[in-house]
């Protein structure tokens, strides 16, 4: 990565990714394409907890640590955390990833079905496949966007799916860094562009469309090395005819950075 400029579109974990780039001699170019907007309705949560006490859900699926924390912050403010914990104790709890697991364990919540590494939807469903879920009420804690792959799979298995929104993704209030990145891409001043979610892809092209730069962005991206964190992100890039050069396995930041390093080393060797 030495002397290479790496564009980072990540928001929440952006600084962690930037630190890894610096560690290996690269220069991070930060251009967050997502803003995290709180999207939790206390009145709705109070009503849900009341309803769940009368009609207990069978399964809860928690997908993000920040979402779990937001949910408990709301029940704390409403004074109904004890009731919520009783509901969770009566249900089967499925968790995708280490961060939601840690947030739940901090509340002494029993975790029945932790997804295995690399903590994708496929691993969540693999755990659920050991259970009959037809006719069961499954509550899914949503992250920035609805996980349509998970929702469709649950419905195909006959589950009744209820989604809880805790936050949502939006366009960044300040788009200047994204525009600056587009300028740098046009000037061939970016070596690698890192995509770590499908939402980043859609938001980037939404911003480009607003400024009449969609076609030039597409051309500039296809002149650069494109790193995608995993299959879902790669599919989103394919929708905009963007070639993906780097995709790690498993889809995590450490392997992601290592895959970028390997690709850049191959290019340096070839040149």
Protein backbone atom coordinates (compact mmCIF):
# COMPACT_ATOMS: atom_id res chain seq x y z
CA UNK A 1 0.00 0.00 0.00
CA UNK A 2 3.01 2.28 0.21
CA UNK A 3 2.35 5.61 -1.53
CA UNK A 4 -1.12 4.47 -2.61
CA UNK A 5 -4.28 6.52 -2.04
CA UNK A 6 -7.19 4.44 -0.75
CA UNK A 7 -10.70 5.90 -0.87
CA UNK A 8 -12.87 4.90 2.10
CA UNK A 9 -16.64 5.29 1.91
CA UNK A 10 -17.27 3.79 5.35
CA UNK A 11 -18.88 5.88 8.08
CA UNK A 12 -18.93 4.14 11.47
CA UNK A 13 -15.81 1.98 11.00
CA UNK A 14 -14.14 4.45 8.66
CA UNK A 15 -11.42 5.53 11.07
CA UNK A 16 -10.56 1.92 11.90
CA UNK A 17 -10.15 1.20 8.19
CA UNK A 18 -8.15 4.41 7.72
CA UNK A 19 -5.80 3.39 10.55
CA UNK A 20 -5.16 0.05 8.84
CA UNK A 21 -4.39 1.84 5.56
CA UNK A 22 -1.90 4.15 7.33
CA UNK A 23 -0.34 1.19 9.13
CA UNK A 24 0.69 -0.27 5.77
CA UNK A 25 1.96 2.99 4.30
CA UNK A 26 -1.12 4.06 2.36
CA UNK A 27 -2.96 7.38 2.40
CA UNK A 28 -6.66 7.16 3.28
CA UNK A 29 -9.10 9.40 1.41
CA UNK A 30 -12.24 9.65 3.53
CA UNK A 31 -15.54 10.17 1.67
CA UNK A 32 -18.41 8.79 3.79
CA UNK A 33 -21.50 8.13 1.71
CA UNK A 34 -23.77 7.15 4.63
CA UNK A 35 -25.25 8.99 7.57
CA UNK A 36 -26.65 7.02 10.50
CA UNK A 37 -30.03 8.44 11.50
CA UNK A 38 -31.82 7.31 14.70
CA UNK A 39 -35.09 5.68 13.70
CA UNK A 40 -36.61 4.28 16.87
CA UNK A 41 -40.10 5.23 18.05
CA UNK A 42 -40.47 5.01 21.86
CA UNK A 43 -44.27 4.92 21.62
CA UNK A 44 -44.07 1.99 19.22
CA UNK A 45 -41.52 0.14 21.39
CA UNK A 46 -43.74 0.58 24.47
CA UNK A 47 -46.70 -0.83 22.56
CA UNK A 48 -44.65 -3.71 21.17
CA UNK A 49 -43.41 -4.77 24.60
CA UNK A 50 -46.98 -4.67 25.88
CA UNK A 51 -48.19 -6.75 22.91
CA UNK A 52 -45.30 -9.22 23.28
CA UNK A 53 -46.21 -9.85 26.90
CA UNK A 54 -49.61 -11.08 25.70
CA UNK A 55 -48.35 -12.76 22.52
CA UNK A 56 -44.76 -13.89 23.06
CA UNK A 57 -42.53 -13.92 19.97
CA UNK A 58 -40.83 -17.23 19.27
CA UNK A 59 -37.51 -15.94 17.95
CA UNK A 60 -35.58 -12.66 18.08
CA UNK A 61 -32.80 -11.97 15.58
CA UNK A 62 -30.35 -9.21 16.48
CA UNK A 63 -28.07 -7.96 13.71
CA UNK A 64 -26.01 -5.03 15.03
CA UNK A 65 -24.52 -3.88 18.29
CA UNK A 66 -25.57 -0.27 17.78
CA UNK A 67 -29.15 -1.40 17.17
CA UNK A 68 -29.23 -3.51 20.35
CA UNK A 69 -27.88 -0.59 22.37
CA UNK A 70 -30.45 1.80 20.87
CA UNK A 71 -33.25 -0.61 21.68
CA UNK A 72 -32.20 -1.01 25.31
CA UNK A 73 -31.63 2.74 25.67
CA UNK A 74 -35.26 3.20 24.66
CA UNK A 75 -36.60 0.54 27.05
CA UNK A 76 -34.45 2.08 29.81
CA UNK A 77 -35.97 5.51 29.20
CA UNK A 78 -39.46 4.00 29.25
CA UNK A 79 -38.78 1.97 32.40
CA UNK A 80 -39.72 -1.31 30.69
CA UNK A 81 -36.33 -3.03 30.36
CA UNK A 82 -37.24 -5.66 32.97
CA UNK A 83 -40.33 -6.63 30.98
CA UNK A 84 -38.34 -6.74 27.76
CA UNK A 85 -35.70 -8.97 29.35
CA UNK A 86 -38.43 -11.36 30.53
CA UNK A 87 -39.75 -11.56 26.97
CA UNK A 88 -36.26 -12.33 25.62
CA UNK A 89 -35.79 -15.01 28.29
CA UNK A 90 -38.95 -16.74 27.03
CA UNK A 91 -37.86 -16.62 23.37
CA UNK A 92 -35.06 -18.09 21.27
CA UNK A 93 -32.38 -15.47 20.63
CA UNK A 94 -30.37 -15.50 17.40
CA UNK A 95 -27.44 -13.12 16.95
CA UNK A 96 -25.43 -12.11 13.92
CA UNK A 97 -21.91 -11.13 14.93
CA UNK A 98 -19.79 -10.31 17.94
CA UNK A 99 -20.96 -6.75 18.52
CA UNK A 100 -24.66 -7.52 19.04
CA UNK A 101 -23.59 -10.53 21.14
CA UNK A 102 -21.51 -8.30 23.41
CA UNK A 103 -24.35 -5.77 23.73
CA UNK A 104 -26.80 -8.52 24.69
CA UNK A 105 -24.45 -10.20 27.13
CA UNK A 106 -23.95 -6.85 28.88
CA UNK A 107 -27.66 -7.18 29.72
CA UNK A 108 -27.31 -10.85 30.69
CA UNK A 109 -29.38 -12.00 27.73
CA UNK A 110 -29.01 -15.71 26.89
CA UNK A 111 -27.89 -16.27 23.30
CA UNK A 112 -29.25 -19.48 21.81
CA UNK A 113 -28.13 -19.25 18.18
CA UNK A 114 -24.94 -17.26 17.59
CA UNK A 115 -24.12 -17.10 13.89
CA UNK A 116 -20.74 -18.55 13.00
CA UNK A 117 -17.88 -16.63 11.42
CA UNK A 118 -18.05 -14.74 9.05
CA UNK A 119 -21.40 -13.67 10.55
CA UNK A 120 -23.37 -13.15 7.35
CA UNK A 121 -27.05 -13.81 6.67
CA UNK A 122 -26.11 -17.30 5.43
CA UNK A 123 -24.73 -18.22 8.87
CA UNK A 124 -27.84 -16.84 10.61
CA UNK A 125 -30.06 -18.96 8.38
CA UNK A 126 -27.86 -22.03 8.87
CA UNK A 127 -28.51 -21.82 12.63
CA UNK A 128 -32.23 -21.31 12.07
CA UNK A 129 -32.41 -24.34 9.77
CA UNK A 130 -32.00 -26.54 12.83
CA UNK A 131 -35.41 -25.31 14.02
CA UNK A 132 -38.92 -25.47 12.61
CA UNK A 133 -39.94 -21.85 12.14
CA UNK A 134 -43.09 -22.27 10.04
CA UNK A 135 -45.86 -20.33 11.74
CA UNK A 136 -43.47 -18.86 14.31
CA UNK A 137 -43.33 -15.13 15.08
CA UNK A 138 -39.80 -13.93 14.32
CA UNK A 139 -38.76 -10.43 15.38
CA UNK A 140 -35.82 -9.01 13.41
CA UNK A 141 -33.83 -6.01 14.63
CA UNK A 142 -33.16 -4.07 11.44
CA UNK A 143 -29.92 -2.32 10.71
CA UNK A 144 -29.54 0.62 8.31
CA UNK A 145 -31.62 -1.04 5.62
CA UNK A 146 -34.02 -3.97 5.60
CA UNK A 147 -32.12 -7.22 5.14
CA UNK A 148 -34.27 -8.45 2.25
CA UNK A 149 -32.27 -11.66 1.88
CA UNK A 150 -33.04 -12.58 5.49
CA UNK A 151 -36.66 -11.47 5.36
CA UNK A 152 -37.37 -13.38 2.14
CA UNK A 153 -35.71 -16.52 3.48
CA UNK A 154 -37.70 -16.38 6.73
CA UNK A 155 -40.96 -15.88 4.87
CA UNK A 156 -40.10 -18.74 2.49
CA UNK A 157 -39.72 -20.94 5.57
CA UNK A 158 -43.20 -19.95 6.69
CA UNK A 159 -42.27 -17.57 9.49
CA UNK A 160 -44.30 -14.51 10.44
CA UNK A 161 -41.72 -11.71 10.32
CA UNK A 162 -41.84 -8.50 12.36
CA UNK A 163 -39.11 -5.90 11.89
CA UNK A 164 -37.93 -3.36 14.48
CA UNK A 165 -36.20 -0.28 13.11
CA UNK A 166 -33.53 1.21 15.37
CA UNK A 167 -31.62 3.38 12.89
CA UNK A 168 -31.51 3.92 9.15
CA UNK A 169 -29.01 4.95 6.54
CA UNK A 170 -29.36 8.30 4.81
CA UNK A 171 -27.31 10.46 2.48
CA UNK A 172 -24.56 12.40 4.29
CA UNK A 173 -25.43 15.99 5.16
CA UNK A 174 -22.06 17.12 3.83
CA UNK A 175 -21.42 15.69 0.37
CA UNK A 176 -18.27 17.77 -0.26
CA UNK A 177 -15.87 14.87 0.58
CA UNK A 178 -17.73 12.61 -1.86
CA UNK A 179 -17.52 15.24 -4.61
CA UNK A 180 -13.81 15.69 -3.83
CA UNK A 181 -13.36 11.93 -4.22
CA UNK A 182 -15.12 12.02 -7.61
CA UNK A 183 -12.74 14.83 -8.68
CA UNK A 184 -9.76 12.78 -7.53
CA UNK A 185 -11.05 9.73 -9.40
CA UNK A 186 -11.44 11.80 -12.57
CA UNK A 187 -7.82 12.93 -12.14
CA UNK A 188 -6.66 9.31 -11.64
CA UNK A 189 -5.49 10.26 -8.13
CA UNK A 190 -7.19 7.35 -6.36
CA UNK A 191 -5.60 3.91 -6.47
CA UNK A 192 -8.24 1.82 -4.68
CA UNK A 193 -11.87 2.49 -3.77
CA UNK A 194 -13.17 0.51 -0.78
CA UNK A 195 -16.85 -0.44 -0.61
CA UNK A 196 -17.96 -2.07 2.65
CA UNK A 197 -21.74 -2.09 2.15
CA UNK A 198 -24.29 -2.14 -0.65
CA UNK A 199 -25.84 1.06 0.76
CA UNK A 200 -22.57 2.91 0.07
CA UNK A 201 -22.82 1.95 -3.59
CA UNK A 202 -26.40 3.16 -3.96
CA UNK A 203 -25.76 6.41 -2.07
CA UNK A 204 -22.62 7.17 -4.06
CA UNK A 205 -24.49 6.89 -7.34
CA UNK A 206 -27.44 8.85 -5.94
CA UNK A 207 -25.08 11.73 -5.14
CA UNK A 208 -23.42 11.40 -8.55
CA UNK A 209 -26.85 11.54 -10.22
CA UNK A 210 -27.71 14.72 -8.32
CA UNK A 211 -24.60 16.40 -9.72
CA UNK A 212 -24.93 14.99 -13.23
CA UNK A 213 -21.82 12.85 -12.79
CA UNK A 214 -23.17 9.30 -12.90
CA UNK A 215 -21.55 8.36 -16.23
CA UNK A 216 -18.18 9.91 -15.42
CA UNK A 217 -18.20 8.25 -11.99
CA UNK A 218 -18.86 4.88 -13.58
CA UNK A 219 -15.99 5.36 -16.02
CA UNK A 220 -13.61 6.61 -13.30
CA UNK A 221 -14.40 3.72 -10.97
CA UNK A 222 -13.72 1.21 -13.71
CA UNK A 223 -10.28 2.78 -14.22
CA UNK A 224 -9.45 2.24 -10.53
CA UNK A 225 -9.06 -0.86 -8.40
CA UNK A 226 -12.38 -1.66 -6.74
CA UNK A 227 -12.44 -3.52 -3.42
CA UNK A 228 -15.74 -5.00 -2.25
CA UNK A 229 -16.17 -6.38 1.28
CA UNK A 230 -18.36 -9.27 0.13
CA UNK A 231 -20.97 -10.77 -2.21
CA UNK A 232 -23.88 -8.46 -1.31
CA UNK A 233 -21.75 -5.39 -1.95
CA UNK A 234 -20.40 -6.92 -5.16
CA UNK A 235 -23.94 -7.48 -6.44
CA UNK A 236 -24.76 -3.81 -5.78
CA UNK A 237 -21.70 -2.72 -7.76
CA UNK A 238 -22.70 -5.02 -10.61
CA UNK A 239 -26.03 -3.17 -10.85
CA UNK A 240 -24.02 -0.12 -11.91
CA UNK A 241 -21.70 -2.13 -14.18
CA UNK A 242 -18.72 -1.66 -11.86
CA UNK A 243 -16.00 -4.30 -12.09
CA UNK A 244 -14.82 -5.70 -8.75
CA UNK A 245 -11.11 -6.50 -8.51
CA UNK A 246 -10.84 -7.47 -4.84
CA UNK A 247 -13.24 -9.42 -2.62
CA UNK A 248 -11.97 -11.04 0.59
CA UNK A 249 -13.02 -14.24 2.28
CA UNK A 250 -14.29 -13.98 4.96
CA UNK A 251 -15.93 -10.53 4.49
CA UNK A 252 -14.21 -8.77 7.40
CA UNK A 253 -11.92 -5.74 7.69
CA UNK A 254 -8.72 -7.69 8.40
CA UNK A 255 -9.00 -10.01 5.37
CA UNK A 256 -10.27 -7.02 3.35
CA UNK A 257 -7.08 -5.05 3.96
CA UNK A 258 -4.93 -8.14 3.37
CA UNK A 259 -6.65 -8.78 0.03
CA UNK A 260 -6.00 -5.18 -1.03
CA UNK A 261 -2.34 -5.49 -0.03
CA UNK A 262 -1.95 -8.71 -2.03
CA UNK A 263 -3.54 -7.20 -5.13
CA UNK A 264 -1.35 -4.09 -4.99
CA UNK A 265 1.75 -6.25 -4.47
CA UNK A 266 0.86 -8.30 -7.57
CA UNK A 267 0.47 -5.12 -9.61
CA UNK A 268 3.80 -3.76 -8.37
CA UNK A 269 5.52 -7.05 -9.21
CA UNK A 270 4.02 -7.12 -12.70
CA UNK A 271 5.10 -3.55 -13.41
